[in-house]
Amino acid sequence: MRSAAGLLAALLSVGIVSACQSTGLASTGDRMVGAVGCTVVFPGPDHIDTTGTVQWEYKPNGNDSLPVILYYVSLSTLDIFPIYKDRVVFNKSSWSLELKLQLGDRGLYRLKREDEEKNGKWIQLEVLEPLSKPELWWNSSSVGSTIEMICNVTIGMVDSYQWGKDGQPIPRYGRYQLSRNNSVLQILNATLSDSGWYSCNVTNEISQNEIFRKLIISDSSAMVSNGVIMGVAVITAVIILVIDGNLYSE
């Protein structure tokens, strides 16, 4: 089990893993992934021409292709289309394209040349938002109840949820059950031993984040019993005082 000092260190260090680790990312096969606000690089061809024109083009999924840049090779003249102003860098030596990402940039990209046989392959670009810090809440904290913990993220799409208790992974069997793509943890027939620090770790392809919260299980029946005992004790003490008072008054 993680020590108290280790758990405290984890609590202090929780945060978003740098989503811009994708900066300068070259494509893997026909797909690449980047984060909003970060930069990706579409690689140029193995061989470049000394004449003609070159165009990087973008095709929103299911729509016609649109130009990103147009480069006149012999003139070394570059036209950048308006929506990409201040967001693209075209390398005239390698013909690679560097793009600072917005959420709407997801889609297909390729390098188009005058000789269609030399056109590049379409590359699928996925643009994701870094995950916000999760929110964690529950519906009950009583002994014997079914506790439903909900881990919610307001920004970004989560690929994976990982749950923990006191620094250890929670087993996915017995009284612990997961639902709704693992975003909900259920604790069946809660006991006092279920008290502790619970964590929810969320990840996607470009970021991760985590939250810790302490759950304290209460036993209402014990509280009632203790209250009854205390009440009886108080009543008994009052009766004794009354009796004693009456005796002394006589």
C-alpha atoms as a PDB file:
ATOM      1  CA  MET A   1       0.000   0.000   0.000  1.00  0.00           C
ATOM      2  CA  ARG A   2       1.264   3.516  -0.808  1.00  0.00           C
ATOM      3  CA  SER A   3       2.569   5.392   2.231  1.00  0.00           C
ATOM      4  CA  ALA A   4       0.888   8.562   3.497  1.00  0.00           C
ATOM      5  CA  ALA A   5       3.848  10.610   2.227  1.00  0.00           C
ATOM      6  CA  GLY A   6       3.617   8.935  -1.188  1.00  0.00           C
ATOM      7  CA  LEU A   7      -0.108   9.568  -1.417  1.00  0.00           C
ATOM      8  CA  LEU A   8       0.377  13.229  -0.478  1.00  0.00           C
ATOM      9  CA  ALA A   9       3.047  13.590  -3.162  1.00  0.00           C
ATOM     10  CA  ALA A  10       0.653  12.111  -5.706  1.00  0.00           C
ATOM     11  CA  LEU A  11      -2.045  14.550  -4.637  1.00  0.00           C
ATOM     12  CA  LEU A  12       0.301  17.501  -5.137  1.00  0.00           C
ATOM     13  CA  SER A  13       1.627  16.329  -8.499  1.00  0.00           C
ATOM     14  CA  VAL A  14      -1.674  15.587 -10.226  1.00  0.00           C
ATOM     15  CA  GLY A  15      -2.242  17.527 -13.432  1.00  0.00           C
ATOM     16  CA  ILE A  16      -2.466  17.390 -17.181  1.00  0.00           C
ATOM     17  CA  VAL A  17       0.364  15.576 -18.926  1.00  0.00           C
ATOM     18  CA  SER A  18       1.737  17.964 -21.540  1.00  0.00           C
ATOM     19  CA  ALA A  19      -0.573  17.648 -24.514  1.00  0.00           C
ATOM     20  CA  CYS A  20       2.041  19.316 -26.733  1.00  0.00           C
ATOM     21  CA  GLN A  21       4.263  16.277 -26.600  1.00  0.00           C
ATOM     22  CA  SER A  22       2.765  15.858 -30.075  1.00  0.00           C
ATOM     23  CA  THR A  23       4.685  18.941 -31.281  1.00  0.00           C
ATOM     24  CA  GLY A  24       6.672  18.076 -34.360  1.00  0.00           C
ATOM     25  CA  LEU A  25       4.999  14.693 -34.608  1.00  0.00           C
ATOM     26  CA  ALA A  26       5.520  12.898 -37.883  1.00  0.00           C
ATOM     27  CA  SER A  27       2.742  10.705 -39.183  1.00  0.00           C
ATOM     28  CA  THR A  28       2.642   7.030 -38.296  1.00  0.00           C
ATOM     29  CA  GLY A  29       1.298   5.206 -41.307  1.00  0.00           C
ATOM     30  CA  ASP A  30      -1.731   7.097 -42.610  1.00  0.00           C
ATOM     31  CA  ARG A  31      -2.829   8.603 -39.290  1.00  0.00           C
ATOM     32  CA  MET A  32      -1.561  11.244 -36.874  1.00  0.00           C
ATOM     33  CA  VAL A  33      -2.899  12.779 -33.677  1.00  0.00           C
ATOM     34  CA  GLY A  34      -2.414  16.234 -32.191  1.00  0.00           C
ATOM     35  CA  ALA A  35      -3.826  18.494 -29.495  1.00  0.00           C
ATOM     36  CA  VAL A  36      -5.626  21.804 -29.887  1.00  0.00           C
ATOM     37  CA  GLY A  37      -3.044  24.590 -29.760  1.00  0.00           C
ATOM     38  CA  CYS A  38      -0.126  22.277 -30.534  1.00  0.00           C
ATOM     39  CA  THR A  39       1.789  21.728 -33.762  1.00  0.00           C
ATOM     40  CA  VAL A  40       2.022  18.727 -36.077  1.00  0.00           C
ATOM     41  CA  VAL A  41       4.261  18.242 -39.102  1.00  0.00           C
ATOM     42  CA  PHE A  42       3.114  16.533 -42.292  1.00  0.00           C
ATOM     43  CA  PRO A  43       6.227  15.035 -43.911  1.00  0.00           C
ATOM     44  CA  GLY A  44       7.320  15.971 -47.405  1.00  0.00           C
ATOM     45  CA  PRO A  45       8.013  13.497 -50.262  1.00  0.00           C
ATOM     46  CA  ASP A  46      11.186  11.484 -50.771  1.00  0.00           C
ATOM     47  CA  HIS A  47      11.931  13.442 -53.949  1.00  0.00           C
ATOM     48  CA  ILE A  48      11.106  17.074 -54.838  1.00  0.00           C
ATOM     49  CA  ASP A  49      10.796  18.688 -58.281  1.00  0.00           C
ATOM     50  CA  THR A  50      12.483  21.841 -59.572  1.00  0.00           C
ATOM     51  CA  THR A  51       9.513  23.080 -61.602  1.00  0.00           C
ATOM     52  CA  GLY A  52       5.736  23.180 -61.471  1.00  0.00           C
ATOM     53  CA  THR A  53       3.422  23.721 -58.510  1.00  0.00           C
ATOM     54  CA  VAL A  54       2.861  21.927 -55.242  1.00  0.00           C
ATOM     55  CA  GLN A  55      -0.254  22.080 -53.108  1.00  0.00           C
ATOM     56  CA  TRP A  56      -1.074  20.786 -49.661  1.00  0.00           C
ATOM     57  CA  GLU A  57      -4.799  20.137 -49.544  1.00  0.00           C
ATOM     58  CA  TYR A  58      -7.308  19.359 -46.835  1.00  0.00           C
ATOM     59  CA  LYS A  59     -10.469  17.277 -47.090  1.00  0.00           C
ATOM     60  CA  PRO A  60     -12.990  17.507 -44.254  1.00  0.00           C
ATOM     61  CA  ASN A  61     -14.419  14.031 -43.737  1.00  0.00           C
ATOM     62  CA  GLY A  62     -16.918  13.341 -46.488  1.00  0.00           C
ATOM     63  CA  ASN A  63     -16.462  16.718 -48.219  1.00  0.00           C
ATOM     64  CA  ASP A  64     -14.539  18.129 -51.172  1.00  0.00           C
ATOM     65  CA  SER A  65     -10.869  18.990 -50.766  1.00  0.00           C
ATOM     66  CA  LEU A  66      -9.732  22.550 -49.962  1.00  0.00           C
ATOM     67  CA  PRO A  67      -6.295  24.157 -50.459  1.00  0.00           C
ATOM     68  CA  VAL A  68      -3.999  24.911 -47.538  1.00  0.00           C
ATOM     69  CA  ILE A  69      -0.974  26.282 -49.404  1.00  0.00           C
ATOM     70  CA  LEU A  70       0.093  26.600 -53.044  1.00  0.00           C
ATOM     71  CA  TYR A  71       3.800  26.714 -53.860  1.00  0.00           C
ATOM     72  CA  TYR A  72       5.257  27.742 -57.228  1.00  0.00           C
ATOM     73  CA  VAL A  73       8.508  25.815 -57.285  1.00  0.00           C
ATOM     74  CA  SER A  74      10.575  27.669 -59.904  1.00  0.00           C
ATOM     75  CA  LEU A  75       9.506  31.079 -58.558  1.00  0.00           C
ATOM     76  CA  SER A  76       9.837  30.035 -54.900  1.00  0.00           C
ATOM     77  CA  THR A  77       6.525  31.819 -54.318  1.00  0.00           C
ATOM     78  CA  LEU A  78       4.116  30.651 -51.636  1.00  0.00           C
ATOM     79  CA  ASP A  79       0.401  31.363 -51.268  1.00  0.00           C
ATOM     80  CA  ILE A  80      -1.206  30.559 -47.928  1.00  0.00           C
ATOM     81  CA  PHE A  81      -4.965  30.450 -47.907  1.00  0.00           C
ATOM     82  CA  PRO A  82      -6.654  32.884 -45.485  1.00  0.00           C
ATOM     83  CA  ILE A  83      -7.930  30.489 -42.805  1.00  0.00           C
ATOM     84  CA  TYR A  84      -4.378  29.170 -42.336  1.00  0.00           C
ATOM     85  CA  LYS A  85      -2.629  32.533 -42.046  1.00  0.00           C
ATOM     86  CA  ASP A  86      -0.242  32.578 -39.062  1.00  0.00           C
ATOM     87  CA  ARG A  87      -0.884  28.862 -38.465  1.00  0.00           C
ATOM     88  CA  VAL A  88       1.208  27.087 -41.122  1.00  0.00           C
ATOM     89  CA  VAL A  89       4.868  26.890 -42.020  1.00  0.00           C
ATOM     90  CA  PHE A  90       5.810  25.367 -45.377  1.00  0.00           C
ATOM     91  CA  ASN A  91       9.382  24.103 -45.719  1.00  0.00           C
ATOM     92  CA  LYS A  92      10.538  24.948 -49.254  1.00  0.00           C
ATOM     93  CA  SER A  93      13.433  22.497 -49.010  1.00  0.00           C
ATOM     94  CA  SER A  94      11.520  19.395 -47.912  1.00  0.00           C
ATOM     95  CA  TRP A  95       7.920  20.422 -48.764  1.00  0.00           C
ATOM     96  CA  SER A  96       6.798  19.412 -45.304  1.00  0.00           C
ATOM     97  CA  LEU A  97       3.907  21.317 -43.733  1.00  0.00           C
ATOM     98  CA  GLU A  98       3.784  22.440 -40.107  1.00  0.00           C
ATOM     99  CA  LEU A  99       0.312  23.239 -38.785  1.00  0.00           C
ATOM    100  CA  LYS A 100      -0.780  24.760 -35.457  1.00  0.00           C
ATOM    101  CA  LEU A 101      -3.990  22.951 -34.645  1.00  0.00           C
ATOM    102  CA  GLN A 102      -7.556  24.039 -34.113  1.00  0.00           C
ATOM    103  CA  LEU A 103     -10.358  21.609 -33.323  1.00  0.00           C
ATOM    104  CA  GLY A 104     -11.844  22.067 -36.797  1.00  0.00           C
ATOM    105  CA  ASP A 105      -8.631  20.895 -38.502  1.00  0.00           C
ATOM    106  CA  ARG A 106      -9.460  17.200 -38.173  1.00  0.00           C
ATOM    107  CA  GLY A 107      -9.767  15.487 -41.537  1.00  0.00           C
ATOM    108  CA  LEU A 108      -7.613  14.256 -44.438  1.00  0.00           C
ATOM    109  CA  TYR A 109      -4.432  15.937 -45.768  1.00  0.00           C
ATOM    110  CA  ARG A 110      -2.150  15.185 -48.673  1.00  0.00           C
ATOM    111  CA  LEU A 111       0.543  16.714 -50.878  1.00  0.00           C
ATOM    112  CA  LYS A 112      -0.733  17.219 -54.431  1.00  0.00           C
ATOM    113  CA  ARG A 113       1.606  17.619 -57.404  1.00  0.00           C
ATOM    114  CA  GLU A 114       1.102  18.362 -61.098  1.00  0.00           C
ATOM    115  CA  ASP A 115       1.994  14.788 -61.907  1.00  0.00           C
ATOM    116  CA  GLU A 116      -0.863  12.927 -60.239  1.00  0.00           C
ATOM    117  CA  GLU A 117       1.203   9.742 -60.004  1.00  0.00           C
ATOM    118  CA  LYS A 118       3.446  11.610 -57.546  1.00  0.00           C
ATOM    119  CA  ASN A 119       0.588  12.704 -55.277  1.00  0.00           C
ATOM    120  CA  GLY A 120       1.081  11.801 -51.643  1.00  0.00           C
ATOM    121  CA  LYS A 121      -1.203   9.505 -49.665  1.00  0.00           C
ATOM    122  CA  TRP A 122      -4.058  10.945 -47.672  1.00  0.00           C
ATOM    123  CA  ILE A 123      -3.139  11.286 -43.998  1.00  0.00           C
ATOM    124  CA  GLN A 124      -5.918  11.169 -41.407  1.00  0.00           C
ATOM    125  CA  LEU A 125      -5.466  13.893 -38.775  1.00  0.00           C
ATOM    126  CA  GLU A 126      -7.247  13.602 -35.434  1.00  0.00           C
ATOM    127  CA  VAL A 127      -7.385  16.758 -33.292  1.00  0.00           C
ATOM    128  CA  LEU A 128      -8.207  16.278 -29.624  1.00  0.00           C
ATOM    129  CA  GLU A 129      -8.743  18.547 -26.642  1.00  0.00           C
ATOM    130  CA  PRO A 130      -6.587  17.999 -23.532  1.00  0.00           C
ATOM    131  CA  LEU A 131      -8.698  16.553 -20.740  1.00  0.00           C
ATOM    132  CA  SER A 132      -9.892  18.860 -17.983  1.00  0.00           C
ATOM    133  CA  LYS A 133      -9.464  17.898 -14.333  1.00  0.00           C
ATOM    134  CA  PRO A 134     -12.138  15.292 -13.506  1.00  0.00           C
ATOM    135  CA  GLU A 135     -14.965  15.916 -11.076  1.00  0.00           C
ATOM    136  CA  LEU A 136     -15.771  13.140  -8.605  1.00  0.00           C
ATOM    137  CA  TRP A 137     -18.897  12.838  -6.504  1.00  0.00           C
ATOM    138  CA  TRP A 138     -21.098  10.130  -4.929  1.00  0.00           C
ATOM    139  CA  ASN A 139     -24.702   9.651  -3.920  1.00  0.00           C
ATOM    140  CA  SER A 140     -24.263   8.110  -0.453  1.00  0.00           C
ATOM    141  CA  SER A 141     -21.757   7.439   2.328  1.00  0.00           C
ATOM    142  CA  SER A 142     -23.803   5.192   4.634  1.00  0.00           C
ATOM    143  CA  VAL A 143     -23.049   1.667   5.797  1.00  0.00           C
ATOM    144  CA  GLY A 144     -25.097  -0.891   3.880  1.00  0.00           C
ATOM    145  CA  SER A 145     -25.937   1.416   0.981  1.00  0.00           C
ATOM    146  CA  THR A 146     -24.937   1.089  -2.669  1.00  0.00           C
ATOM    147  CA  ILE A 147     -22.535   3.945  -3.313  1.00  0.00           C
ATOM    148  CA  GLU A 148     -22.341   5.226  -6.872  1.00  0.00           C
ATOM    149  CA  MET A 149     -19.229   7.278  -7.656  1.00  0.00           C
ATOM    150  CA  ILE A 150     -19.287   9.315 -10.858  1.00  0.00           C
ATOM    151  CA  CYS A 151     -16.123  10.564 -12.582  1.00  0.00           C
ATOM    152  CA  ASN A 152     -16.927  13.359 -15.014  1.00  0.00           C
ATOM    153  CA  VAL A 153     -14.776  15.390 -17.433  1.00  0.00           C
ATOM    154  CA  THR A 154     -16.138  18.630 -18.883  1.00  0.00           C
ATOM    155  CA  ILE A 155     -13.514  19.147 -21.628  1.00  0.00           C
ATOM    156  CA  GLY A 156     -12.123  16.483 -23.949  1.00  0.00           C
ATOM    157  CA  MET A 157     -13.040  12.937 -24.909  1.00  0.00           C
ATOM    158  CA  VAL A 158     -11.901  10.238 -22.468  1.00  0.00           C
ATOM    159  CA  ASP A 159     -10.455   6.972 -23.819  1.00  0.00           C
ATOM    160  CA  SER A 160      -9.824   5.278 -20.473  1.00  0.00           C
ATOM    161  CA  TYR A 161     -10.900   5.540 -16.813  1.00  0.00           C
ATOM    162  CA  GLN A 162      -8.753   3.996 -14.059  1.00  0.00           C
ATOM    163  CA  TRP A 163      -9.968   3.823 -10.449  1.00  0.00           C
ATOM    164  CA  GLY A 164      -7.918   3.496  -7.287  1.00  0.00           C
ATOM    165  CA  LYS A 165      -8.276   3.457  -3.492  1.00  0.00           C
ATOM    166  CA  ASP A 166      -5.502   4.514  -1.115  1.00  0.00           C
ATOM    167  CA  GLY A 167      -2.963   4.360  -3.933  1.00  0.00           C
ATOM    168  CA  GLN A 168      -3.928   0.861  -5.152  1.00  0.00           C
ATOM    169  CA  PRO A 169      -6.006  -0.207  -8.188  1.00  0.00           C
ATOM    170  CA  ILE A 170      -9.565  -1.176  -7.339  1.00  0.00           C
ATOM    171  CA  PRO A 171     -10.388  -4.820  -8.168  1.00  0.00           C
ATOM    172  CA  ARG A 172     -13.146  -5.251 -10.724  1.00  0.00           C
ATOM    173  CA  TYR A 173     -15.050  -7.966  -8.887  1.00  0.00           C
ATOM    174  CA  GLY A 174     -17.013  -8.646  -5.720  1.00  0.00           C
ATOM    175  CA  ARG A 175     -18.619  -5.520  -4.261  1.00  0.00           C
ATOM    176  CA  TYR A 176     -16.894  -3.203  -6.756  1.00  0.00           C
ATOM    177  CA  GLN A 177     -18.549  -2.817 -10.152  1.00  0.00           C
ATOM    178  CA  LEU A 178     -17.905  -0.470 -13.104  1.00  0.00           C
ATOM    179  CA  SER A 179     -20.424   0.846 -15.618  1.00  0.00           C
ATOM    180  CA  ARG A 180     -20.949   3.549 -18.274  1.00  0.00           C
ATOM    181  CA  ASN A 181     -17.639   2.920 -20.002  1.00  0.00           C
ATOM    182  CA  ASN A 182     -15.982   2.661 -16.549  1.00  0.00           C
ATOM    183  CA  SER A 183     -16.868   6.253 -15.644  1.00  0.00           C
ATOM    184  CA  VAL A 184     -19.044   5.037 -12.737  1.00  0.00           C
ATOM    185  CA  LEU A 185     -17.829   2.953  -9.787  1.00  0.00           C
ATOM    186  CA  GLN A 186     -20.397   1.170  -7.643  1.00  0.00           C
ATOM    187  CA  ILE A 187     -19.656  -0.093  -4.139  1.00  0.00           C
ATOM    188  CA  LEU A 188     -22.286  -2.633  -3.098  1.00  0.00           C
ATOM    189  CA  ASN A 189     -23.330  -2.989   0.555  1.00  0.00           C
ATOM    190  CA  ALA A 190     -20.784  -0.427   1.782  1.00  0.00           C
ATOM    191  CA  THR A 191     -18.863  -1.107   5.001  1.00  0.00           C
ATOM    192  CA  LEU A 192     -16.705   1.078   7.238  1.00  0.00           C
ATOM    193  CA  SER A 193     -13.624  -0.437   5.562  1.00  0.00           C
ATOM    194  CA  ASP A 194     -14.632   1.283   2.310  1.00  0.00           C
ATOM    195  CA  SER A 195     -13.578   4.631   3.780  1.00  0.00           C
ATOM    196  CA  GLY A 196     -10.431   6.044   2.203  1.00  0.00           C
ATOM    197  CA  TRP A 197      -8.921   8.118  -0.608  1.00  0.00           C
ATOM    198  CA  TYR A 198     -10.447   7.357  -4.009  1.00  0.00           C
ATOM    199  CA  SER A 199      -8.890   8.380  -7.307  1.00  0.00           C
ATOM    200  CA  CYS A 200     -10.133   8.589 -10.879  1.00  0.00           C
ATOM    201  CA  ASN A 201      -7.483   8.789 -13.607  1.00  0.00           C
ATOM    202  CA  VAL A 202      -8.615   9.749 -17.118  1.00  0.00           C
ATOM    203  CA  THR A 203      -6.554   9.504 -20.304  1.00  0.00           C
ATOM    204  CA  ASN A 204      -6.796  10.005 -24.024  1.00  0.00           C
ATOM    205  CA  GLU A 205      -4.158   9.891 -26.759  1.00  0.00           C
ATOM    206  CA  ILE A 206      -2.672  13.283 -25.923  1.00  0.00           C
ATOM    207  CA  SER A 207      -3.277  13.929 -22.191  1.00  0.00           C
ATOM    208  CA  GLN A 208      -4.173  12.567 -18.792  1.00  0.00           C
ATOM    209  CA  ASN A 209      -5.576  14.009 -15.568  1.00  0.00           C
ATOM    210  CA  GLU A 210      -6.565  12.721 -12.140  1.00  0.00           C
ATOM    211  CA  ILE A 211      -8.581  13.596  -9.049  1.00  0.00           C
ATOM    212  CA  PHE A 212      -8.440  12.347  -5.435  1.00  0.00           C
ATOM    213  CA  ARG A 213     -11.269  12.597  -2.900  1.00  0.00           C
ATOM    214  CA  LYS A 214     -11.711  11.138   0.568  1.00  0.00           C
ATOM    215  CA  LEU A 215     -14.807   9.060   1.317  1.00  0.00           C
ATOM    216  CA  ILE A 216     -15.826   8.584   4.956  1.00  0.00           C
ATOM    217  CA  ILE A 217     -18.421   5.869   5.559  1.00  0.00           C
ATOM    218  CA  SER A 218     -20.834   6.574   8.422  1.00  0.00           C
ATOM    219  CA  ASP A 219     -22.912   4.054  10.384  1.00  0.00           C
ATOM    220  CA  SER A 220     -26.244   5.764  11.116  1.00  0.00           C
ATOM    221  CA  SER A 221     -27.550   2.774  13.102  1.00  0.00           C
ATOM    222  CA  ALA A 222     -24.611   3.013  15.504  1.00  0.00           C
ATOM    223  CA  MET A 223     -25.233   6.735  15.864  1.00  0.00           C
ATOM    224  CA  VAL A 224     -28.890   6.072  16.711  1.00  0.00           C
ATOM    225  CA  SER A 225     -27.929   3.374  19.245  1.00  0.00           C
ATOM    226  CA  ASN A 226     -25.389   5.666  20.857  1.00  0.00           C
ATOM    227  CA  GLY A 227     -27.990   8.431  20.951  1.00  0.00           C
ATOM    228  CA  VAL A 228     -30.539   6.160  22.604  1.00  0.00           C
ATOM    229  CA  ILE A 229     -28.016   5.013  25.214  1.00  0.00           C
ATOM    230  CA  MET A 230     -27.003   8.594  25.931  1.00  0.00           C
ATOM    231  CA  GLY A 231     -30.645   9.633  26.176  1.00  0.00           C
ATOM    232  CA  VAL A 232     -31.429   6.841  28.645  1.00  0.00           C
ATOM    233  CA  ALA A 233     -28.376   7.811  30.694  1.00  0.00           C
ATOM    234  CA  VAL A 234     -29.478  11.435  30.842  1.00  0.00           C
ATOM    235  CA  ILE A 235     -33.047  10.486  31.866  1.00  0.00           C
ATOM    236  CA  THR A 236     -31.713   8.122  34.527  1.00  0.00           C
ATOM    237  CA  ALA A 237     -29.449  10.842  35.929  1.00  0.00           C
ATOM    238  CA  VAL A 238     -32.368  13.270  36.079  1.00  0.00           C
ATOM    239  CA  ILE A 239     -34.553  10.739  37.923  1.00  0.00           C
ATOM    240  CA  ILE A 240     -31.777  10.108  40.444  1.00  0.00           C
ATOM    241  CA  LEU A 241     -31.366  13.820  41.038  1.00  0.00           C
ATOM    242  CA  VAL A 242     -35.095  14.228  41.513  1.00  0.00           C
ATOM    243  CA  ILE A 243     -35.257  11.319  43.947  1.00  0.00           C
ATOM    244  CA  ASP A 244     -32.242  12.590  45.859  1.00  0.00           C
ATOM    245  CA  GLY A 245     -33.780  16.034  45.985  1.00  0.00           C
ATOM    246  CA  ASN A 246     -37.020  14.700  47.362  1.00  0.00           C
ATOM    247  CA  LEU A 247     -35.167  12.680  50.020  1.00  0.00           C
ATOM    248  CA  TYR A 248     -33.194  15.700  51.217  1.00  0.00           C
ATOM    249  CA  SER A 249     -36.339  17.844  51.249  1.00  0.00           C
ATOM    250  CA  GLU A 250     -37.986  15.420  53.637  1.00  0.00           C
END
